[in-house]
């Protein structure tokens, strides 16, 4: 949300999502995250 507002956070959302996906492969429990649930690999348009 901050990034969309033009505030620089220093967080790389793509790298964060890749890390979550990698961890998800090795963990035998659901990863609950608002960011992981909302992350889109392609645009809606």
PDB file of N, CA and C in Angstrom:
ATOM      1  N   UNK A   1       0.823  -1.173   0.000  1.00  0.00           N
ATOM      2  CA  UNK A   1       0.000   0.000   0.000  1.00  0.00           C
ATOM      3  C   UNK A   1       0.878   1.251   0.000  1.00  0.00           C
ATOM      4  N   UNK A   2       1.912   1.252   0.801  1.00  0.00           N
ATOM      5  CA  UNK A   2       2.791   2.422   0.848  1.00  0.00           C
ATOM      6  C   UNK A   2       3.474   2.650  -0.494  1.00  0.00           C
ATOM      7  N   UNK A   3       3.924   1.576  -1.120  1.00  0.00           N
ATOM      8  CA  UNK A   3       4.582   1.699  -2.412  1.00  0.00           C
ATOM      9  C   UNK A   3       3.632   2.294  -3.439  1.00  0.00           C
ATOM     10  N   UNK A   4       2.382   1.860  -3.418  1.00  0.00           N
ATOM     11  CA  UNK A   4       1.381   2.395  -4.341  1.00  0.00           C
ATOM     12  C   UNK A   4       1.132   3.879  -4.100  1.00  0.00           C
ATOM     13  N   UNK A   5       1.378   4.339  -2.887  1.00  0.00           N
ATOM     14  CA  UNK A   5       1.199   5.753  -2.548  1.00  0.00           C
ATOM     15  C   UNK A   5       2.460   6.565  -2.846  1.00  0.00           C
ATOM     16  N   UNK A   6       3.508   5.887  -3.347  1.00  0.00           N
ATOM     17  CA  UNK A   6       4.739   6.578  -3.687  1.00  0.00           C
ATOM     18  C   UNK A   6       5.751   6.645  -2.559  1.00  0.00           C
ATOM     19  N   UNK A   7       5.502   5.922  -1.472  1.00  0.00           N
ATOM     20  CA  UNK A   7       6.426   5.904  -0.338  1.00  0.00           C
ATOM     21  C   UNK A   7       7.417   4.759  -0.546  1.00  0.00           C
ATOM     22  N   UNK A   8       8.705   5.080  -0.544  1.00  0.00           N
ATOM     23  CA  UNK A   8       9.736   4.064  -0.719  1.00  0.00           C
ATOM     24  C   UNK A   8       9.902   3.276   0.571  1.00  0.00           C
ATOM     25  N   UNK A   9       9.686   1.951   0.503  1.00  0.00           N
ATOM     26  CA  UNK A   9       9.782   1.109   1.694  1.00  0.00           C
ATOM     27  C   UNK A   9      11.079   0.309   1.740  1.00  0.00           C
ATOM     28  N   UNK A  10      11.705   0.114   0.589  1.00  0.00           N
ATOM     29  CA  UNK A  10      12.902  -0.710   0.538  1.00  0.00           C
ATOM     30  C   UNK A  10      12.591  -2.196   0.474  1.00  0.00           C
ATOM     31  N   UNK A  11      11.308  -2.543   0.444  1.00  0.00           N
ATOM     32  CA  UNK A  11      10.892  -3.940   0.380  1.00  0.00           C
ATOM     33  C   UNK A  11      10.656  -4.307  -1.079  1.00  0.00           C
ATOM     34  N   UNK A  12      11.287  -5.377  -1.529  1.00  0.00           N
ATOM     35  CA  UNK A  12      11.092  -5.872  -2.884  1.00  0.00           C
ATOM     36  C   UNK A  12       9.972  -6.906  -2.835  1.00  0.00           C
ATOM     37  N   UNK A  13       8.777  -6.526  -3.275  1.00  0.00           N
ATOM     38  CA  UNK A  13       7.606  -7.400  -3.183  1.00  0.00           C
ATOM     39  C   UNK A  13       7.789  -8.670  -4.001  1.00  0.00           C
ATOM     40  N   UNK A  14       8.445  -8.580  -5.156  1.00  0.00           N
ATOM     41  CA  UNK A  14       8.668  -9.770  -5.973  1.00  0.00           C
ATOM     42  C   UNK A  14       9.578 -10.761  -5.254  1.00  0.00           C
ATOM     43  N   UNK A  15      10.651 -10.268  -4.648  1.00  0.00           N
ATOM     44  CA  UNK A  15      11.572 -11.137  -3.913  1.00  0.00           C
ATOM     45  C   UNK A  15      10.890 -11.731  -2.686  1.00  0.00           C
ATOM     46  N   UNK A  16      10.076 -10.940  -2.017  1.00  0.00           N
ATOM     47  CA  UNK A  16       9.340 -11.431  -0.851  1.00  0.00           C
ATOM     48  C   UNK A  16       8.394 -12.555  -1.251  1.00  0.00           C
ATOM     49  N   UNK A  17       7.689 -12.375  -2.357  1.00  0.00           N
ATOM     50  CA  UNK A  17       6.772 -13.411  -2.822  1.00  0.00           C
ATOM     51  C   UNK A  17       7.527 -14.680  -3.216  1.00  0.00           C
ATOM     52  N   UNK A  18       8.666 -14.536  -3.875  1.00  0.00           N
ATOM     53  CA  UNK A  18       9.469 -15.707  -4.243  1.00  0.00           C
ATOM     54  C   UNK A  18       9.923 -16.465  -2.998  1.00  0.00           C
ATOM     55  N   UNK A  19      10.312 -15.748  -1.953  1.00  0.00           N
ATOM     56  CA  UNK A  19      10.726 -16.388  -0.703  1.00  0.00           C
ATOM     57  C   UNK A  19       9.568 -17.148  -0.073  1.00  0.00           C
ATOM     58  N   UNK A  20       8.387 -16.552  -0.080  1.00  0.00           N
ATOM     59  CA  UNK A  20       7.205 -17.222   0.479  1.00  0.00           C
ATOM     60  C   UNK A  20       6.905 -18.491  -0.307  1.00  0.00           C
ATOM     61  N   UNK A  21       6.982 -18.420  -1.625  1.00  0.00           N
ATOM     62  CA  UNK A  21       6.704 -19.595  -2.453  1.00  0.00           C
ATOM     63  C   UNK A  21       7.730 -20.699  -2.196  1.00  0.00           C
ATOM     64  N   UNK A  22       8.984 -20.329  -2.017  1.00  0.00           N
ATOM     65  CA  UNK A  22      10.036 -21.305  -1.735  1.00  0.00           C
ATOM     66  C   UNK A  22       9.805 -21.972  -0.381  1.00  0.00           C
ATOM     67  N   UNK A  23       9.493 -21.184   0.623  1.00  0.00           N
ATOM     68  CA  UNK A  23       9.230 -21.720   1.959  1.00  0.00           C
ATOM     69  C   UNK A  23       7.985 -22.597   1.946  1.00  0.00           C
ATOM     70  N   UNK A  24       6.975 -22.177   1.200  1.00  0.00           N
ATOM     71  CA  UNK A  24       5.719 -22.927   1.111  1.00  0.00           C
ATOM     72  C   UNK A  24       5.960 -24.359   0.627  1.00  0.00           C
ATOM     73  N   UNK A  25       6.949 -24.539  -0.262  1.00  0.00           N
ATOM     74  CA  UNK A  25       7.267 -25.874  -0.776  1.00  0.00           C
ATOM     75  C   UNK A  25       7.809 -26.796   0.313  1.00  0.00           C
ATOM     76  N   UNK A  26       8.535 -26.246   1.293  1.00  0.00           N
ATOM     77  CA  UNK A  26       9.180 -27.069   2.302  1.00  0.00           C
ATOM     78  C   UNK A  26       8.438 -27.191   3.616  1.00  0.00           C
ATOM     79  N   UNK A  27       7.444 -26.359   3.822  1.00  0.00           N
ATOM     80  CA  UNK A  27       6.701 -26.358   5.080  1.00  0.00           C
ATOM     81  C   UNK A  27       5.397 -27.121   4.883  1.00  0.00           C
ATOM     82  N   UNK A  28       5.083 -27.962   5.815  1.00  0.00           N
ATOM     83  CA  UNK A  28       3.858 -28.755   5.696  1.00  0.00           C
ATOM     84  C   UNK A  28       2.720 -28.141   6.494  1.00  0.00           C
ATOM     85  N   UNK A  29       2.596 -26.834   6.388  1.00  0.00           N
ATOM     86  CA  UNK A  29       1.519 -26.101   7.045  1.00  0.00           C
ATOM     87  C   UNK A  29       1.196 -24.893   6.173  1.00  0.00           C
ATOM     88  N   UNK A  30      -0.029 -24.448   6.202  1.00  0.00           N
ATOM     89  CA  UNK A  30      -0.379 -23.289   5.379  1.00  0.00           C
ATOM     90  C   UNK A  30       0.345 -22.024   5.843  1.00  0.00           C
ATOM     91  N   UNK A  31       0.737 -21.215   4.904  1.00  0.00           N
ATOM     92  CA  UNK A  31       1.350 -19.929   5.212  1.00  0.00           C
ATOM     93  C   UNK A  31       0.257 -18.879   5.068  1.00  0.00           C
ATOM     94  N   UNK A  32      -0.115 -18.286   6.170  1.00  0.00           N
ATOM     95  CA  UNK A  32      -1.187 -17.298   6.179  1.00  0.00           C
ATOM     96  C   UNK A  32      -0.562 -15.912   6.078  1.00  0.00           C
ATOM     97  N   UNK A  33      -0.893 -15.214   5.001  1.00  0.00           N
ATOM     98  CA  UNK A  33      -0.330 -13.887   4.778  1.00  0.00           C
ATOM     99  C   UNK A  33      -1.252 -13.105   3.861  1.00  0.00           C
ATOM    100  N   UNK A  34      -1.558 -11.882   4.237  1.00  0.00           N
ATOM    101  CA  UNK A  34      -2.382 -11.039   3.370  1.00  0.00           C
ATOM    102  C   UNK A  34      -1.646 -10.767   2.062  1.00  0.00           C
ATOM    103  N   UNK A  35      -0.359 -10.532   2.144  1.00  0.00           N
ATOM    104  CA  UNK A  35       0.431 -10.229   0.953  1.00  0.00           C
ATOM    105  C   UNK A  35       0.475 -11.422   0.007  1.00  0.00           C
ATOM    106  N   UNK A  36       0.690 -12.608   0.544  1.00  0.00           N
ATOM    107  CA  UNK A  36       0.765 -13.800  -0.295  1.00  0.00           C
ATOM    108  C   UNK A  36      -0.570 -14.069  -0.969  1.00  0.00           C
ATOM    109  N   UNK A  37      -1.648 -13.790  -0.273  1.00  0.00           N
ATOM    110  CA  UNK A  37      -2.971 -14.013  -0.849  1.00  0.00           C
ATOM    111  C   UNK A  37      -3.350 -12.998  -1.904  1.00  0.00           C
ATOM    112  N   UNK A  38      -2.788 -11.816  -1.840  1.00  0.00           N
ATOM    113  CA  UNK A  38      -3.138 -10.753  -2.774  1.00  0.00           C
ATOM    114  C   UNK A  38      -2.164 -10.610  -3.932  1.00  0.00           C
ATOM    115  N   UNK A  39      -1.016 -11.219  -3.806  1.00  0.00           N
ATOM    116  CA  UNK A  39       0.016 -11.048  -4.821  1.00  0.00           C
ATOM    117  C   UNK A  39      -0.441 -11.631  -6.151  1.00  0.00           C
ATOM    118  N   UNK A  40      -0.259 -10.875  -7.212  1.00  0.00           N
ATOM    119  CA  UNK A  40      -0.659 -11.310  -8.552  1.00  0.00           C
ATOM    120  C   UNK A  40       0.575 -11.377  -9.439  1.00  0.00           C
ATOM    121  N   UNK A  41       0.677 -12.428 -10.213  1.00  0.00           N
ATOM    122  CA  UNK A  41       1.803 -12.557 -11.126  1.00  0.00           C
ATOM    123  C   UNK A  41       1.558 -11.814 -12.434  1.00  0.00           C
ATOM    124  N   UNK A  42       0.300 -11.535 -12.755  1.00  0.00           N
ATOM    125  CA  UNK A  42      -0.009 -10.790 -13.973  1.00  0.00           C
ATOM    126  C   UNK A  42      -1.070  -9.748 -13.671  1.00  0.00           C
ATOM    127  N   UNK A  43      -1.155  -8.773 -14.537  1.00  0.00           N
ATOM    128  CA  UNK A  43      -2.124  -7.702 -14.315  1.00  0.00           C
ATOM    129  C   UNK A  43      -3.532  -8.177 -14.654  1.00  0.00           C
ATOM    130  N   UNK A  44      -4.507  -7.464 -14.168  1.00  0.00           N
ATOM    131  CA  UNK A  44      -5.908  -7.804 -14.404  1.00  0.00           C
ATOM    132  C   UNK A  44      -6.344  -7.435 -15.813  1.00  0.00           C
ATOM    133  N   UNK A  45      -5.624  -6.540 -16.422  1.00  0.00           N
ATOM    134  CA  UNK A  45      -6.041  -6.024 -17.733  1.00  0.00           C
ATOM    135  C   UNK A  45      -5.316  -6.731 -18.831  1.00  0.00           C
TER     136      UNK A  45
END
